[in-house]
Amino acid sequence: MRKQPSEDRLSWGDSVFLNLEREGMPLNVACLSVFEGDLCFDEYLHFVESRLPLIPRYLKRVVAPPLNAGLPNWDYDPDFDIRNHVREATLKHGTDAELKTLTGKLVSRVMDRQRPLWDMTLVRGLKRNRTALVARMHHCLADGIAGVGIMSVLMDPSPAVPTLPKRKRPFRIPAPLDPVSSLVESLTSSYSSFMDRVLSAWANMLNITERTLANGANPPSDEASRLMPEVTAPTERLFFNTIYRGPQKFACTEIALDEIKAIRQTCGASVNDVLLTLVTATIRRYSELHGDRVKGRLFRVMVPVNLRGNNTGPSQLGNCISLVPVTIPLDIRNPKKLLTAVHRRTEFLKRAHAAEFVSLASGLIAVLPNPLQAFLGPQISRLPITPFNMVCTNVPGPQFPLYLFGHKMLQWYPYVPIGGELALNCAILSYNGMVYFGFSGDVHISPDLNRLEKFLKLSLSELREAVGLSPSPEKPQRKRSAPKQRKKEETPSATQTLRVPIELPAQQPAVKSTDAPRPISEEKPVLMQQTA
């Protein structure tokens, strides 16, 4: 009997994201990219099709086992058609505001589960000779880190236009398992996976208990006694913590990474602390605009933390994250004092191993039988439960330019889904010396979502002034040069164009560290880089 490969089976954590989705509430990660020049749709379609063998998961759909017993599988779509996943749209006026409106509409749609759970929309007609791309993939397919890895496979670090194959590569789809074999295989693998999760949860619980008892010999510090009540306090709803109805709006802006690092160096905090400070100040302004009282209020933001080890990277698909709840006083108006408060709380949570506790709790939830998950998931998203005020996911991207079929990517705005009583979330992505912010919100609850763009810049200006830095200089208008006029030093070495299947990280060829550009990793620019 042919067995289903283990890598073709959804994990318990991935299945949770699949089961939480309901009609009208898509759970996709996405990004809005802007490129210089005009991309030809037919050439782009052919280009993406030529790269699909490098991402076999993009050719597979989610298939539930018979009687929904056990975990779903990733099976090849026998009717796969690239035009069901790569589409074209043309803007009427070509403005950035129109592009954001279109992005909001695209991310509001639930994907067809009879097909592979990803799509891309090439947006033409953008002013100043630009082309945009809205790329989506279901959260059960990838988290933010893996999503950046997939996008990097579809783009190149060199402006050289890749040569497309003249003929479509032949690909033989393996025959699916018969129903009886599929049921037996699913039950066997699900039981094995269940026992692994239980044993792992038990080991984690013993480790946490041992560490807690060891720390218990020492009297609690003043910091712990002062901050612990904040951690254990119930979440206070803000105006946007109401049941999500949809559709969605999308707003985005960017800040130079050098500005964030200048503040970090001046105050001795981390880049993560600076970003959380800016988001907190922005949300305070936005909440007050909508009539919320902030005096004495706490703002609880859930920050994903990357759990990938040193031997794994963005090429590992699926979800490998835990969540850290950072509770911050919302009424601190002095920007420098707010940064200090954020820094103290993030450091306290690191020492308290908060990510391990959350990972343990989520692991226990994930071992629920899949039929029960599938039944309860859509109902849970309708319950008036607010475990935290918002999600702020923070993902590192490459600190060198990427190119799509010879066109340089100018901006890269991330998107994180909303749902339940989290009707407003924030995603952050660093790329090529810039930090990009993407805000997603329910159109009924946050019709003025674009105000967050101005509030973020205002919060940055105030923070710079508070720490003694000069005001942010006006950003000069950059010239858009043609690809053939690019500087020679922007072209990385030839070894960077090597592509390998993203589902087979063990087969990746060794690349010398001196050959490839290195992202700014030693300063840990994003929380997602930290491990529990």
Protein backbone atom coordinates (compact mmCIF):
# COMPACT_ATOMS: atom_id res chain seq x y z
CA MET A 1 0.00 0.00 0.00
CA ARG A 2 1.44 3.39 -0.99
CA LYS A 3 1.86 5.69 2.00
CA GLN A 4 1.13 9.39 2.13
CA PRO A 5 4.42 11.29 2.67
CA SER A 6 4.48 13.00 6.07
CA GLU A 7 5.33 16.37 4.50
CA ASP A 8 2.07 16.16 2.50
CA ARG A 9 -0.03 16.18 5.66
CA LEU A 10 -1.20 19.30 7.43
CA SER A 11 0.08 19.70 10.95
CA TRP A 12 -2.30 20.13 13.87
CA GLY A 13 -1.42 23.81 14.01
CA ASP A 14 -1.99 24.32 10.28
CA SER A 15 -5.38 22.60 10.49
CA VAL A 16 -6.45 25.09 13.19
CA PHE A 17 -6.06 27.98 10.72
CA LEU A 18 -8.00 25.99 8.14
CA ASN A 19 -10.86 25.24 10.53
CA LEU A 20 -11.15 28.73 12.00
CA GLU A 21 -12.02 30.18 8.59
CA ARG A 22 -15.68 30.82 7.79
CA GLU A 23 -17.57 32.28 4.86
CA GLY A 24 -16.88 36.01 4.68
CA MET A 25 -13.82 35.74 6.97
CA PRO A 26 -10.78 34.57 4.98
CA LEU A 27 -7.64 33.57 6.87
CA ASN A 28 -4.94 34.39 4.36
CA VAL A 29 -1.55 36.04 4.61
CA ALA A 30 -0.83 38.43 1.76
CA CYS A 31 1.32 41.26 0.50
CA LEU A 32 1.06 44.22 -1.83
CA SER A 33 4.18 44.75 -3.94
CA VAL A 34 4.88 47.68 -6.25
CA PHE A 35 7.36 47.34 -9.14
CA GLU A 36 8.90 49.82 -11.50
CA GLY A 37 7.88 49.61 -15.15
CA ASP A 38 5.03 47.90 -16.94
CA LEU A 39 4.88 44.11 -16.60
CA CYS A 40 3.35 42.15 -19.45
CA PHE A 41 0.69 39.82 -18.07
CA ASP A 42 1.31 36.96 -20.52
CA GLU A 43 5.04 37.00 -19.80
CA TYR A 44 4.39 37.11 -16.07
CA LEU A 45 1.93 34.21 -16.32
CA HIS A 46 4.51 32.13 -18.18
CA PHE A 47 7.20 33.13 -15.68
CA VAL A 48 5.18 32.07 -12.60
CA GLU A 49 4.28 28.79 -14.29
CA SER A 50 7.97 28.09 -14.90
CA ARG A 51 8.74 28.59 -11.19
CA LEU A 52 5.95 26.35 -9.83
CA PRO A 53 8.11 23.16 -9.83
CA LEU A 54 10.25 24.94 -7.21
CA ILE A 55 7.17 25.19 -4.94
CA PRO A 56 5.35 21.83 -5.24
CA ARG A 57 2.87 22.86 -2.54
CA TYR A 58 1.49 25.47 -4.97
CA LEU A 59 0.27 22.58 -7.14
CA LYS A 60 -1.60 20.88 -4.30
CA ARG A 61 -5.00 21.35 -2.72
CA VAL A 62 -6.29 20.45 0.72
CA VAL A 63 -8.16 17.11 0.74
CA ALA A 64 -9.95 15.91 3.85
CA PRO A 65 -9.72 12.15 4.61
CA PRO A 66 -12.84 9.99 4.43
CA LEU A 67 -15.32 10.82 7.21
CA ASN A 68 -13.02 13.73 8.13
CA ALA A 69 -11.12 11.29 10.32
CA GLY A 70 -7.64 12.59 10.94
CA LEU A 71 -5.69 15.45 9.46
CA PRO A 72 -6.20 16.72 5.88
CA ASN A 73 -3.60 16.05 3.19
CA TRP A 74 -1.92 18.09 0.48
CA ASP A 75 -2.78 16.28 -2.77
CA TYR A 76 -1.95 17.36 -6.31
CA ASP A 77 -4.82 19.09 -8.08
CA PRO A 78 -5.60 16.90 -11.14
CA ASP A 79 -7.32 19.85 -12.84
CA PHE A 80 -4.70 22.48 -12.03
CA ASP A 81 -4.89 25.55 -14.28
CA ILE A 82 -2.48 28.44 -13.76
CA ARG A 83 -5.13 30.94 -14.90
CA ASN A 84 -7.26 30.07 -11.86
CA HIS A 85 -4.48 31.50 -9.68
CA VAL A 86 -2.79 34.26 -11.68
CA ARG A 87 -5.14 37.05 -12.77
CA GLU A 88 -4.99 40.59 -14.10
CA ALA A 89 -6.71 43.82 -13.02
CA THR A 90 -6.46 47.35 -14.40
CA LEU A 91 -6.94 50.49 -12.34
CA LYS A 92 -9.29 53.13 -13.70
CA HIS A 93 -7.49 56.18 -12.28
CA GLY A 94 -4.13 54.67 -11.37
CA THR A 95 -3.84 56.26 -7.92
CA ASP A 96 -2.34 54.70 -4.79
CA ALA A 97 -5.68 55.14 -3.00
CA GLU A 98 -7.42 53.13 -5.73
CA LEU A 99 -4.76 50.43 -5.41
CA LYS A 100 -5.35 50.14 -1.65
CA THR A 101 -9.11 49.91 -2.21
CA LEU A 102 -8.61 47.09 -4.71
CA THR A 103 -6.27 45.32 -2.28
CA GLY A 104 -8.94 45.48 0.43
CA LYS A 105 -11.46 43.86 -1.91
CA LEU A 106 -9.07 41.09 -2.94
CA VAL A 107 -8.09 40.11 0.61
CA SER A 108 -11.79 40.00 1.58
CA ARG A 109 -12.46 36.97 -0.62
CA VAL A 110 -12.40 33.37 0.62
CA MET A 111 -10.40 31.02 -1.59
CA ASP A 112 -11.91 28.00 -3.32
CA ARG A 113 -10.80 24.95 -1.34
CA GLN A 114 -11.22 22.73 -4.38
CA ARG A 115 -8.04 24.34 -5.74
CA PRO A 116 -4.57 25.12 -4.36
CA LEU A 117 -4.93 27.87 -1.75
CA TRP A 118 -3.03 30.75 -3.31
CA ASP A 119 -3.51 33.41 -5.97
CA MET A 120 -1.82 36.47 -7.45
CA THR A 121 -3.35 39.52 -9.11
CA LEU A 122 -1.19 41.65 -11.38
CA VAL A 123 -2.48 45.23 -11.18
CA ARG A 124 -1.86 47.40 -14.24
CA GLY A 125 -2.42 51.10 -14.87
CA LEU A 126 -0.65 52.48 -11.78
CA LYS A 127 0.62 56.01 -12.26
CA ARG A 128 4.34 56.88 -12.59
CA ASN A 129 5.00 53.83 -14.77
CA ARG A 130 4.52 51.24 -12.05
CA THR A 131 2.87 47.81 -11.73
CA ALA A 132 1.50 46.25 -8.54
CA LEU A 133 1.05 42.67 -7.41
CA VAL A 134 -1.32 41.38 -4.72
CA ALA A 135 -0.22 37.88 -3.64
CA ARG A 136 -2.29 35.76 -1.23
CA MET A 137 -1.85 32.34 0.35
CA HIS A 138 -3.91 30.61 3.02
CA HIS A 139 -2.53 30.71 6.55
CA CYS A 140 -2.60 26.91 6.68
CA LEU A 141 -0.06 26.94 3.83
CA ALA A 142 2.44 29.37 5.34
CA ASP A 143 3.03 31.88 8.09
CA GLY A 144 4.67 35.25 7.48
CA ILE A 145 8.23 33.92 7.52
CA ALA A 146 7.47 31.14 5.02
CA GLY A 147 5.45 33.59 2.91
CA VAL A 148 8.49 35.82 2.49
CA GLY A 149 10.50 32.73 1.53
CA ILE A 150 7.97 31.80 -1.16
CA MET A 151 7.95 35.32 -2.60
CA SER A 152 11.75 35.26 -2.69
CA VAL A 153 11.60 32.09 -4.79
CA LEU A 154 9.30 33.84 -7.27
CA MET A 155 11.67 36.82 -7.56
CA ASP A 156 15.37 37.27 -8.26
CA PRO A 157 18.17 39.24 -6.58
CA SER A 158 19.43 40.26 -10.03
CA PRO A 159 17.87 42.64 -12.58
CA ALA A 160 18.79 40.23 -15.38
CA VAL A 161 15.64 38.99 -17.10
CA PRO A 162 15.44 35.19 -16.66
CA THR A 163 15.17 33.02 -19.73
CA LEU A 164 11.82 31.27 -19.90
CA PRO A 165 11.59 27.67 -21.06
CA LYS A 166 10.11 27.34 -24.54
CA ARG A 167 8.06 24.32 -23.60
CA LYS A 168 6.08 23.47 -20.52
CA ARG A 169 7.87 20.95 -18.34
CA PRO A 170 6.10 17.58 -18.28
CA PHE A 171 4.78 16.71 -14.85
CA ARG A 172 3.18 13.45 -13.83
CA ILE A 173 0.67 13.68 -11.00
CA PRO A 174 0.84 10.63 -8.71
CA ALA A 175 -2.33 8.58 -8.48
CA PRO A 176 -4.32 9.33 -5.30
CA LEU A 177 -4.84 6.73 -2.62
CA ASP A 178 -8.03 4.67 -2.78
CA PRO A 179 -10.65 5.60 -0.12
CA VAL A 180 -9.93 2.61 2.15
CA SER A 181 -6.15 3.12 2.06
CA SER A 182 -6.62 6.83 2.60
CA LEU A 183 -8.80 6.25 5.68
CA VAL A 184 -6.38 3.73 7.22
CA GLU A 185 -3.37 5.92 6.48
CA SER A 186 -5.09 9.00 7.90
CA LEU A 187 -6.13 7.28 11.14
CA THR A 188 -2.66 5.77 11.63
CA SER A 189 -0.78 8.99 10.96
CA SER A 190 -3.18 11.10 13.01
CA TYR A 191 -2.79 8.80 16.02
CA SER A 192 1.00 8.92 15.69
CA SER A 193 0.93 12.69 15.38
CA PHE A 194 -1.45 12.96 18.33
CA MET A 195 0.86 10.93 20.57
CA ASP A 196 3.84 13.03 19.49
CA ARG A 197 1.96 16.21 20.41
CA VAL A 198 0.89 14.84 23.79
CA LEU A 199 4.42 13.70 24.66
CA SER A 200 5.87 17.02 23.46
CA ALA A 201 3.32 18.97 25.53
CA TRP A 202 4.12 16.84 28.58
CA ALA A 203 7.87 17.41 28.15
CA ASN A 204 7.32 21.16 27.75
CA MET A 205 5.14 21.23 30.85
CA LEU A 206 7.83 19.45 32.89
CA ASN A 207 10.50 21.85 31.64
CA ILE A 208 8.39 24.89 32.46
CA THR A 209 7.52 23.49 35.90
CA GLU A 210 11.17 22.75 36.65
CA ARG A 211 12.20 26.25 35.62
CA THR A 212 9.39 27.81 37.65
CA LEU A 213 10.37 25.85 40.78
CA ALA A 214 14.00 26.80 40.31
CA ASN A 215 13.08 30.44 40.07
CA GLY A 216 10.73 30.12 43.02
CA ALA A 217 13.68 29.80 45.41
CA ASN A 218 14.40 33.47 44.80
CA PRO A 219 12.01 36.15 46.08
CA PRO A 220 10.02 37.83 43.27
CA SER A 221 11.57 41.03 42.01
CA ASP A 222 9.86 44.36 42.28
CA GLU A 223 9.54 44.34 38.49
CA ALA A 224 7.73 40.99 38.48
CA SER A 225 5.35 42.02 41.24
CA ARG A 226 4.60 45.26 39.39
CA LEU A 227 4.14 43.80 35.88
CA MET A 228 2.49 40.46 36.65
CA PRO A 229 -0.93 42.05 37.41
CA GLU A 230 -0.87 43.60 33.92
CA VAL A 231 -0.12 40.23 32.34
CA THR A 232 -2.94 38.45 34.16
CA ALA A 233 -5.51 41.26 33.83
CA PRO A 234 -8.41 40.63 31.39
CA THR A 235 -8.20 42.38 28.04
CA GLU A 236 -10.10 45.67 27.88
CA ARG A 237 -11.97 46.09 24.61
CA LEU A 238 -11.20 49.04 22.37
CA PHE A 239 -13.69 50.35 19.83
CA PHE A 240 -12.42 47.98 17.11
CA ASN A 241 -12.77 44.85 19.29
CA THR A 242 -16.18 43.86 17.96
CA ILE A 243 -17.24 40.89 15.84
CA TYR A 244 -15.78 41.14 12.33
CA ARG A 245 -18.38 41.39 9.57
CA GLY A 246 -16.33 42.36 6.52
CA PRO A 247 -15.41 43.32 3.91
CA GLN A 248 -12.00 44.80 4.60
CA LYS A 249 -10.02 47.96 4.07
CA PHE A 250 -6.26 48.15 3.66
CA ALA A 251 -3.89 50.99 4.55
CA CYS A 252 -0.10 51.05 4.34
CA THR A 253 2.95 53.26 4.80
CA GLU A 254 6.69 52.94 5.33
CA ILE A 255 9.56 54.26 7.49
CA ALA A 256 13.31 54.14 6.83
CA LEU A 257 15.01 51.41 8.86
CA ASP A 258 17.88 53.81 9.64
CA GLU A 259 15.45 56.06 11.52
CA ILE A 260 14.29 53.14 13.66
CA LYS A 261 17.89 52.10 14.36
CA ALA A 262 18.89 55.66 15.26
CA ILE A 263 16.22 55.75 17.97
CA ARG A 264 17.28 52.29 19.18
CA GLN A 265 20.92 53.33 19.48
CA THR A 266 20.02 56.52 21.33
CA CYS A 267 17.79 54.79 23.91
CA GLY A 268 19.45 51.40 24.29
CA ALA A 269 16.26 49.56 23.40
CA SER A 270 15.70 47.08 20.56
CA VAL A 271 14.30 47.75 17.11
CA ASN A 272 11.31 45.64 18.13
CA ASP A 273 10.68 47.93 21.10
CA VAL A 274 10.74 51.01 18.86
CA LEU A 275 8.24 49.47 16.45
CA LEU A 276 5.86 48.42 19.24
CA THR A 277 6.12 51.92 20.70
CA LEU A 278 5.13 53.49 17.38
CA VAL A 279 2.22 51.09 16.93
CA THR A 280 0.98 51.74 20.49
CA ALA A 281 1.11 55.52 20.07
CA THR A 282 -0.67 55.19 16.73
CA ILE A 283 -3.46 53.07 18.20
CA ARG A 284 -3.84 55.49 21.12
CA ARG A 285 -4.44 58.37 18.72
CA TYR A 286 -6.82 56.30 16.61
CA SER A 287 -8.79 55.11 19.66
CA GLU A 288 -9.15 58.66 20.98
CA LEU A 289 -10.33 59.78 17.55
CA HIS A 290 -13.19 57.29 17.89
CA GLY A 291 -14.09 58.35 21.42
CA ASP A 292 -12.28 55.73 23.51
CA ARG A 293 -11.02 56.77 26.93
CA VAL A 294 -7.37 55.77 27.30
CA LYS A 295 -6.61 56.91 30.86
CA GLY A 296 -5.80 53.84 32.93
CA ARG A 297 -6.35 51.53 29.94
CA LEU A 298 -4.06 48.68 28.89
CA PHE A 299 -3.32 47.78 25.27
CA ARG A 300 -2.60 44.08 24.73
CA VAL A 301 -0.91 43.26 21.44
CA MET A 302 -0.14 39.69 20.42
CA VAL A 303 3.26 39.42 18.75
CA PRO A 304 4.17 36.24 16.80
CA VAL A 305 7.59 34.78 17.58
CA ASN A 306 9.46 32.57 15.15
CA LEU A 307 10.08 29.04 16.47
CA ARG A 308 12.23 27.85 13.57
CA GLY A 309 15.56 26.56 14.76
CA ASN A 310 18.97 27.33 13.36
CA ASN A 311 18.71 24.36 10.99
CA THR A 312 15.46 25.53 9.40
CA GLY A 313 14.53 28.71 7.62
CA PRO A 314 11.90 30.41 5.50
CA SER A 315 11.86 27.42 3.14
CA GLN A 316 10.03 25.40 5.81
CA LEU A 317 6.37 25.76 4.96
CA GLY A 318 3.51 25.67 7.42
CA ASN A 319 3.27 27.57 10.70
CA CYS A 320 6.21 27.53 13.12
CA ILE A 321 5.28 30.36 15.46
CA SER A 322 4.25 31.06 19.01
CA LEU A 323 2.53 34.17 20.34
CA VAL A 324 3.69 36.59 23.03
CA PRO A 325 1.07 38.90 24.62
CA VAL A 326 2.65 42.29 25.34
CA THR A 327 0.49 44.46 27.62
CA ILE A 328 1.30 48.19 27.42
CA PRO A 329 -0.28 51.16 29.23
CA LEU A 330 -2.19 53.12 26.62
CA ASP A 331 -2.13 56.46 28.44
CA ILE A 332 1.63 57.16 28.41
CA ARG A 333 1.85 60.24 26.20
CA ASN A 334 5.55 60.95 26.62
CA PRO A 335 7.12 59.00 23.72
CA LYS A 336 10.41 58.35 25.54
CA LYS A 337 8.63 57.08 28.65
CA LEU A 338 6.43 54.89 26.46
CA LEU A 339 9.50 53.35 24.80
CA THR A 340 10.98 52.65 28.24
CA ALA A 341 7.73 50.99 29.34
CA VAL A 342 7.63 48.80 26.21
CA HIS A 343 11.28 47.78 26.66
CA ARG A 344 10.75 46.76 30.29
CA ARG A 345 7.74 44.63 29.41
CA THR A 346 9.30 42.82 26.45
CA GLU A 347 12.42 42.04 28.48
CA PHE A 348 10.28 40.75 31.35
CA LEU A 349 8.33 38.47 28.99
CA LYS A 350 11.57 37.08 27.55
CA ARG A 351 12.88 36.22 31.02
CA ALA A 352 9.50 34.72 31.96
CA HIS A 353 9.57 32.49 28.83
CA ALA A 354 6.10 33.68 27.84
CA ALA A 355 6.43 32.23 24.34
CA GLU A 356 6.88 28.74 25.80
CA PHE A 357 3.73 29.01 27.90
CA VAL A 358 1.66 30.18 24.94
CA SER A 359 3.15 27.47 22.71
CA LEU A 360 2.22 24.87 25.31
CA ALA A 361 -1.36 26.15 25.54
CA SER A 362 -1.79 26.28 21.75
CA GLY A 363 -0.31 22.79 21.48
CA LEU A 364 -2.93 21.44 23.86
CA ILE A 365 -5.69 23.09 21.81
CA ALA A 366 -4.26 21.71 18.58
CA VAL A 367 -4.58 18.09 19.72
CA LEU A 368 -8.38 18.30 19.60
CA PRO A 369 -9.76 15.80 17.08
CA ASN A 370 -9.99 17.29 13.61
CA PRO A 371 -13.77 16.74 13.23
CA LEU A 372 -14.29 18.68 16.47
CA GLN A 373 -11.94 21.43 15.23
CA ALA A 374 -13.82 21.65 11.94
CA PHE A 375 -17.15 21.97 13.76
CA LEU A 376 -16.10 24.42 16.48
CA GLY A 377 -13.72 26.61 14.44
CA PRO A 378 -16.28 28.72 12.50
CA GLN A 379 -18.42 29.05 15.65
CA ILE A 380 -15.52 30.32 17.78
CA SER A 381 -14.89 33.19 15.37
CA ARG A 382 -18.42 34.46 16.08
CA LEU A 383 -18.08 34.46 19.88
CA PRO A 384 -17.62 37.77 21.77
CA ILE A 385 -14.16 36.77 23.02
CA THR A 386 -11.23 39.22 23.09
CA PRO A 387 -8.02 37.46 24.21
CA PHE A 388 -6.04 40.52 23.05
CA ASN A 389 -6.70 43.82 21.28
CA MET A 390 -4.79 43.24 18.06
CA VAL A 391 -2.11 41.18 16.33
CA CYS A 392 1.12 42.88 15.28
CA THR A 393 3.13 40.44 13.17
CA ASN A 394 6.68 41.44 12.34
CA VAL A 395 8.60 39.66 9.56
CA PRO A 396 12.18 40.13 8.33
CA GLY A 397 12.71 40.47 4.59
CA PRO A 398 15.91 40.70 2.53
CA GLN A 399 17.90 43.91 2.88
CA PHE A 400 18.75 44.05 -0.82
CA PRO A 401 16.51 44.73 -3.84
CA LEU A 402 14.51 41.95 -5.48
CA TYR A 403 13.39 41.87 -9.10
CA LEU A 404 10.41 40.34 -10.83
CA PHE A 405 11.21 39.47 -14.42
CA GLY A 406 13.75 42.31 -14.48
CA HIS A 407 11.51 44.87 -12.72
CA LYS A 408 12.74 46.16 -9.36
CA MET A 409 10.39 45.82 -6.39
CA LEU A 410 10.02 49.34 -4.97
CA GLN A 411 7.67 48.68 -2.03
CA TRP A 412 6.57 45.55 -0.17
CA TYR A 413 3.55 46.03 2.12
CA PRO A 414 2.46 43.04 4.29
CA TYR A 415 -1.05 41.99 5.25
CA VAL A 416 -2.28 39.96 8.23
CA PRO A 417 -5.86 38.62 8.41
CA ILE A 418 -8.52 39.87 10.82
CA GLY A 419 -11.43 38.01 12.36
CA GLY A 420 -13.40 37.28 15.48
CA GLU A 421 -13.23 40.39 17.67
CA LEU A 422 -9.90 41.38 16.11
CA ALA A 423 -11.30 43.74 13.51
CA LEU A 424 -8.04 45.71 13.22
CA ASN A 425 -4.54 44.23 12.89
CA CYS A 426 -1.08 45.38 11.84
CA ALA A 427 1.69 43.66 9.85
CA ILE A 428 5.29 44.89 9.60
CA LEU A 429 7.91 43.81 7.06
CA SER A 430 11.48 45.05 6.60
CA TYR A 431 12.89 45.11 3.07
CA ASN A 432 15.82 46.84 1.40
CA GLY A 433 16.43 49.42 4.14
CA MET A 434 12.76 50.25 4.75
CA VAL A 435 10.15 49.09 7.27
CA TYR A 436 6.71 48.62 5.69
CA PHE A 437 3.46 48.73 7.69
CA GLY A 438 0.19 47.19 6.55
CA PHE A 439 -3.07 47.86 8.44
CA SER A 440 -6.12 45.63 7.86
CA GLY A 441 -9.51 46.59 9.24
CA ASP A 442 -13.24 45.92 8.96
CA VAL A 443 -14.77 48.52 6.64
CA HIS A 444 -17.74 48.99 9.01
CA ILE A 445 -15.59 49.50 12.10
CA SER A 446 -12.63 51.38 10.58
CA PRO A 447 -13.90 53.29 7.56
CA ASP A 448 -11.13 55.87 8.10
CA LEU A 449 -8.31 53.30 8.31
CA ASN A 450 -6.00 55.56 6.27
CA ARG A 451 -5.76 57.87 9.30
CA LEU A 452 -3.36 55.31 10.78
CA GLU A 453 -0.80 56.17 8.09
CA LYS A 454 -0.62 59.80 9.26
CA PHE A 455 -0.77 58.88 12.95
CA LEU A 456 2.21 56.54 12.53
CA LYS A 457 4.35 59.25 10.91
CA LEU A 458 3.28 61.72 13.60
CA SER A 459 4.23 59.25 16.33
CA LEU A 460 7.64 58.75 14.71
CA SER A 461 8.27 62.49 14.57
CA GLU A 462 7.38 62.92 18.24
CA LEU A 463 9.54 59.98 19.30
CA ARG A 464 12.55 61.32 17.40
CA GLU A 465 12.13 64.71 19.05
CA ALA A 466 11.68 63.16 22.50
CA VAL A 467 14.94 61.21 22.29
CA GLY A 468 16.87 64.23 21.03
CA LEU A 469 17.15 63.44 17.33
CA SER A 470 16.65 66.01 14.61
CA PRO A 471 13.30 66.02 12.75
CA SER A 472 12.94 63.53 9.95
CA PRO A 473 14.21 65.00 6.67
CA GLU A 474 11.82 65.28 3.79
CA LYS A 475 12.12 62.21 1.62
CA PRO A 476 13.54 63.23 -1.79
CA GLN A 477 11.81 62.10 -4.91
CA ARG A 478 13.80 59.21 -6.27
CA LYS A 479 14.34 58.86 -9.96
CA ARG A 480 13.03 55.71 -11.56
CA SER A 481 15.84 54.53 -13.79
CA ALA A 482 15.52 51.90 -16.46
CA PRO A 483 16.88 48.43 -15.64
CA LYS A 484 19.83 48.85 -18.02
CA GLN A 485 20.95 51.98 -16.19
CA ARG A 486 21.13 50.39 -12.74
CA LYS A 487 24.39 50.61 -10.86
CA LYS A 488 26.64 47.63 -11.13
CA GLU A 489 26.89 47.11 -7.38
CA GLU A 490 23.13 46.42 -7.18
CA THR A 491 23.66 43.14 -9.04
CA PRO A 492 24.45 40.30 -6.62
CA SER A 493 26.71 37.43 -7.56
CA ALA A 494 25.54 34.70 -9.89
CA THR A 495 25.24 32.16 -7.08
CA GLN A 496 22.17 33.98 -5.79
CA THR A 497 20.04 33.07 -8.78
CA LEU A 498 20.19 29.35 -7.86
CA ARG A 499 16.70 27.95 -7.13
CA VAL A 500 15.80 24.77 -5.29
CA PRO A 501 12.44 23.23 -4.39
CA ILE A 502 11.17 25.02 -1.31
CA GLU A 503 9.73 21.84 0.23
CA LEU A 504 13.12 20.14 0.25
CA PRO A 505 15.38 22.36 2.36
CA ALA A 506 17.77 19.47 3.03
CA GLN A 507 18.69 19.37 -0.65
CA GLN A 508 19.64 23.03 -0.89
CA PRO A 509 23.21 23.44 -2.15
CA ALA A 510 25.66 25.09 0.17
CA VAL A 511 26.20 28.76 -0.70
CA LYS A 512 29.22 30.56 0.67
CA SER A 513 28.35 33.36 3.01
CA THR A 514 30.65 35.67 1.09
CA ASP A 515 28.65 35.18 -2.10
CA ALA A 516 25.17 36.17 -0.92
CA PRO A 517 23.99 39.51 0.48
CA ARG A 518 23.18 39.24 4.17
CA PRO A 519 20.07 40.73 5.78
CA ILE A 520 20.68 42.85 8.86
CA SER A 521 20.36 39.98 11.31
CA GLU A 522 22.86 40.79 14.03
CA GLU A 523 20.63 43.62 15.30
CA LYS A 524 17.48 41.45 15.32
CA PRO A 525 15.24 43.98 13.53
CA VAL A 526 12.03 42.00 14.08
CA LEU A 527 10.52 39.90 16.84
CA MET A 528 9.82 37.07 14.42
CA GLN A 529 13.56 36.34 14.40
CA GLN A 530 13.65 35.45 18.07
CA THR A 531 13.20 31.87 19.18
CA ALA A 532 11.52 30.62 22.27
